[in-house]
Amino acid sequence: MPISASRLRSDIYRILDEVVRTGVPVQIERGGHVLEIVAKDAPNKLKRLVRRPFLKGPPEAIVHLDWSGEWKP
């Protein structure tokens, strides 16, 4: 959703910092036209992923788990 030129003017540094940080373009509506601020070198999305704990072990150990005692229909 485009923001107004007035909002851009009042928050330009915050908006520009967010575009640089996230790589998500911002659309501005001005005189019936839509303009877009885009980071030329957008950050790599994979580098922003948060590392999560994972299961260590063979995949077969997950496939053959018996959850029948935990399942409550």
N, C-alpha and C. Protein backbone atom coordinates (compact mmCIF):
# COMPACT_ATOMS: atom_id res chain seq x y z
N MET A 1 0.85 -1.18 0.00
CA MET A 1 0.00 0.00 0.00
C MET A 1 0.90 1.24 0.00
N PRO A 2 0.72 2.11 -0.95
CA PRO A 2 1.56 3.31 -1.04
C PRO A 2 1.33 4.26 0.13
N ILE A 3 2.40 4.96 0.54
CA ILE A 3 2.29 5.99 1.56
C ILE A 3 2.23 7.34 0.86
N SER A 4 1.79 8.34 1.57
CA SER A 4 1.69 9.68 0.99
C SER A 4 3.06 10.35 0.99
N ALA A 5 3.21 11.34 0.12
CA ALA A 5 4.46 12.10 0.08
C ALA A 5 4.67 12.86 1.38
N SER A 6 3.59 13.28 2.03
CA SER A 6 3.69 13.98 3.31
C SER A 6 4.27 13.07 4.38
N ARG A 7 3.82 11.81 4.41
CA ARG A 7 4.36 10.87 5.40
C ARG A 7 5.83 10.58 5.11
N LEU A 8 6.17 10.46 3.84
CA LEU A 8 7.57 10.26 3.47
C LEU A 8 8.42 11.42 3.98
N ARG A 9 7.93 12.63 3.78
CA ARG A 9 8.67 13.82 4.21
C ARG A 9 8.87 13.84 5.72
N SER A 10 7.86 13.44 6.47
CA SER A 10 7.97 13.50 7.93
C SER A 10 8.82 12.37 8.51
N ASP A 11 8.90 11.23 7.81
CA ASP A 11 9.64 10.07 8.34
C ASP A 11 10.70 9.56 7.37
N ILE A 12 11.28 10.42 6.56
CA ILE A 12 12.14 9.96 5.47
C ILE A 12 13.32 9.13 5.96
N TYR A 13 13.98 9.53 7.04
CA TYR A 13 15.16 8.78 7.49
C TYR A 13 14.78 7.40 8.01
N ARG A 14 13.69 7.32 8.78
CA ARG A 14 13.23 6.03 9.29
C ARG A 14 12.83 5.12 8.14
N ILE A 15 12.10 5.65 7.15
CA ILE A 15 11.66 4.87 6.00
C ILE A 15 12.84 4.39 5.18
N LEU A 16 13.80 5.28 4.92
CA LEU A 16 14.99 4.88 4.17
C LEU A 16 15.79 3.82 4.91
N ASP A 17 15.94 3.97 6.23
CA ASP A 17 16.67 2.97 7.02
C ASP A 17 15.98 1.62 6.96
N GLU A 18 14.66 1.61 6.96
CA GLU A 18 13.92 0.35 6.90
C GLU A 18 14.08 -0.33 5.53
N VAL A 19 14.08 0.46 4.47
CA VAL A 19 14.30 -0.10 3.13
C VAL A 19 15.69 -0.72 3.04
N VAL A 20 16.68 -0.03 3.59
CA VAL A 20 18.05 -0.55 3.57
C VAL A 20 18.16 -1.82 4.42
N ARG A 21 17.53 -1.81 5.59
CA ARG A 21 17.63 -2.95 6.52
C ARG A 21 16.90 -4.18 6.00
N THR A 22 15.69 -3.99 5.47
CA THR A 22 14.86 -5.13 5.08
C THR A 22 14.95 -5.48 3.60
N GLY A 23 15.26 -4.50 2.76
CA GLY A 23 15.26 -4.74 1.33
C GLY A 23 13.88 -4.68 0.71
N VAL A 24 12.86 -4.36 1.52
CA VAL A 24 11.48 -4.27 1.03
C VAL A 24 11.25 -2.86 0.47
N PRO A 25 10.85 -2.75 -0.80
CA PRO A 25 10.62 -1.44 -1.39
C PRO A 25 9.44 -0.72 -0.75
N VAL A 26 9.46 0.60 -0.80
CA VAL A 26 8.37 1.43 -0.29
C VAL A 26 7.76 2.17 -1.47
N GLN A 27 6.44 2.15 -1.56
CA GLN A 27 5.74 2.87 -2.62
C GLN A 27 5.20 4.17 -2.07
N ILE A 28 5.35 5.24 -2.88
CA ILE A 28 4.87 6.56 -2.51
C ILE A 28 3.90 7.03 -3.58
N GLU A 29 2.75 7.55 -3.13
CA GLU A 29 1.78 8.09 -4.08
C GLU A 29 1.94 9.60 -4.14
N ARG A 30 2.09 10.11 -5.36
CA ARG A 30 2.29 11.55 -5.55
C ARG A 30 1.62 11.97 -6.84
N GLY A 31 0.63 12.81 -6.74
CA GLY A 31 -0.05 13.35 -7.93
C GLY A 31 -0.66 12.28 -8.82
N GLY A 32 -1.22 11.24 -8.22
CA GLY A 32 -1.84 10.19 -9.01
C GLY A 32 -0.87 9.16 -9.57
N HIS A 33 0.40 9.30 -9.27
CA HIS A 33 1.42 8.36 -9.71
C HIS A 33 1.98 7.63 -8.50
N VAL A 34 2.45 6.43 -8.73
CA VAL A 34 3.07 5.65 -7.67
C VAL A 34 4.56 5.54 -7.97
N LEU A 35 5.36 6.00 -7.02
CA LEU A 35 6.82 5.93 -7.12
C LEU A 35 7.29 4.87 -6.13
N GLU A 36 8.50 4.37 -6.34
CA GLU A 36 9.00 3.31 -5.46
C GLU A 36 10.45 3.58 -5.08
N ILE A 37 10.73 3.43 -3.80
CA ILE A 37 12.10 3.52 -3.30
C ILE A 37 12.57 2.08 -3.10
N VAL A 38 13.65 1.73 -3.81
CA VAL A 38 14.17 0.36 -3.79
C VAL A 38 15.65 0.40 -3.45
N ALA A 39 16.09 -0.50 -2.60
CA ALA A 39 17.51 -0.61 -2.30
C ALA A 39 18.20 -1.29 -3.49
N LYS A 40 19.21 -0.65 -4.01
CA LYS A 40 19.93 -1.20 -5.17
C LYS A 40 20.59 -2.52 -4.81
N ASP A 41 21.20 -2.57 -3.65
CA ASP A 41 21.83 -3.80 -3.17
C ASP A 41 21.02 -4.31 -1.99
N ALA A 42 19.91 -4.97 -2.26
CA ALA A 42 19.05 -5.48 -1.20
C ALA A 42 19.77 -6.55 -0.40
N PRO A 43 19.55 -6.59 0.91
CA PRO A 43 20.20 -7.61 1.73
C PRO A 43 19.74 -9.01 1.35
N ASN A 44 20.62 -9.96 1.52
CA ASN A 44 20.31 -11.34 1.21
C ASN A 44 19.34 -11.88 2.26
N LYS A 45 18.18 -12.37 1.83
CA LYS A 45 17.17 -12.86 2.76
C LYS A 45 17.67 -14.07 3.55
N LEU A 46 18.47 -14.89 2.94
CA LEU A 46 18.97 -16.07 3.64
C LEU A 46 19.89 -15.69 4.79
N LYS A 47 20.62 -14.58 4.66
CA LYS A 47 21.51 -14.16 5.73
C LYS A 47 20.74 -13.60 6.93
N ARG A 48 19.48 -13.20 6.71
CA ARG A 48 18.68 -12.66 7.80
C ARG A 48 17.91 -13.74 8.55
N LEU A 49 17.95 -14.99 8.09
CA LEU A 49 17.23 -16.05 8.77
C LEU A 49 17.84 -16.31 10.15
N VAL A 50 16.97 -16.60 11.10
CA VAL A 50 17.41 -16.91 12.45
C VAL A 50 17.66 -18.41 12.53
N ARG A 51 18.82 -18.78 13.05
CA ARG A 51 19.14 -20.20 13.18
C ARG A 51 18.25 -20.82 14.25
N ARG A 52 17.65 -21.94 13.92
CA ARG A 52 16.75 -22.64 14.83
C ARG A 52 17.36 -23.99 15.22
N PRO A 53 17.01 -24.47 16.41
CA PRO A 53 17.49 -25.80 16.77
C PRO A 53 16.85 -26.84 15.85
N PHE A 54 17.57 -27.88 15.59
CA PHE A 54 17.04 -28.91 14.70
C PHE A 54 17.36 -30.28 15.27
N LEU A 55 16.70 -31.26 14.73
CA LEU A 55 16.89 -32.63 15.18
C LEU A 55 18.14 -33.20 14.54
N LYS A 56 19.01 -33.73 15.35
CA LYS A 56 20.21 -34.36 14.83
C LYS A 56 19.97 -35.87 14.85
N GLY A 57 20.18 -36.49 13.74
CA GLY A 57 20.02 -37.93 13.66
C GLY A 57 19.52 -38.33 12.29
N PRO A 58 19.35 -39.61 12.08
CA PRO A 58 18.91 -40.08 10.78
C PRO A 58 17.44 -39.75 10.53
N PRO A 59 17.07 -39.40 9.30
CA PRO A 59 15.66 -39.10 8.99
C PRO A 59 14.73 -40.27 9.27
N GLU A 60 15.23 -41.48 9.17
CA GLU A 60 14.38 -42.64 9.43
C GLU A 60 13.86 -42.66 10.86
N ALA A 61 14.62 -42.06 11.79
CA ALA A 61 14.20 -42.03 13.19
C ALA A 61 12.93 -41.21 13.35
N ILE A 62 12.72 -40.20 12.53
CA ILE A 62 11.52 -39.37 12.60
C ILE A 62 10.34 -40.08 11.96
N VAL A 63 10.57 -40.71 10.83
CA VAL A 63 9.50 -41.36 10.07
C VAL A 63 8.86 -42.48 10.85
N HIS A 64 9.64 -43.20 11.62
CA HIS A 64 9.12 -44.39 12.28
C HIS A 64 8.79 -44.17 13.76
N LEU A 65 8.56 -42.94 14.17
CA LEU A 65 8.16 -42.66 15.55
C LEU A 65 6.73 -43.14 15.77
N ASP A 66 6.46 -43.67 16.92
CA ASP A 66 5.10 -44.11 17.25
C ASP A 66 4.45 -43.07 18.16
N TRP A 67 3.50 -42.31 17.61
CA TRP A 67 2.79 -41.28 18.36
C TRP A 67 1.40 -41.74 18.79
N SER A 68 1.10 -43.01 18.63
CA SER A 68 -0.26 -43.49 18.92
C SER A 68 -0.64 -43.28 20.38
N GLY A 69 0.33 -43.34 21.30
CA GLY A 69 0.03 -43.11 22.71
C GLY A 69 -0.25 -41.66 23.02
N GLU A 70 0.22 -40.74 22.21
CA GLU A 70 0.02 -39.31 22.42
C GLU A 70 -1.22 -38.76 21.73
N TRP A 71 -1.73 -39.47 20.74
CA TRP A 71 -2.83 -38.98 19.92
C TRP A 71 -4.16 -39.12 20.65
N LYS A 72 -4.90 -38.04 20.76
CA LYS A 72 -6.21 -38.03 21.40
C LYS A 72 -7.23 -37.53 20.39
N PRO A 73 -8.00 -38.45 19.76
CA PRO A 73 -8.98 -38.02 18.73
C PRO A 73 -10.13 -37.23 19.31
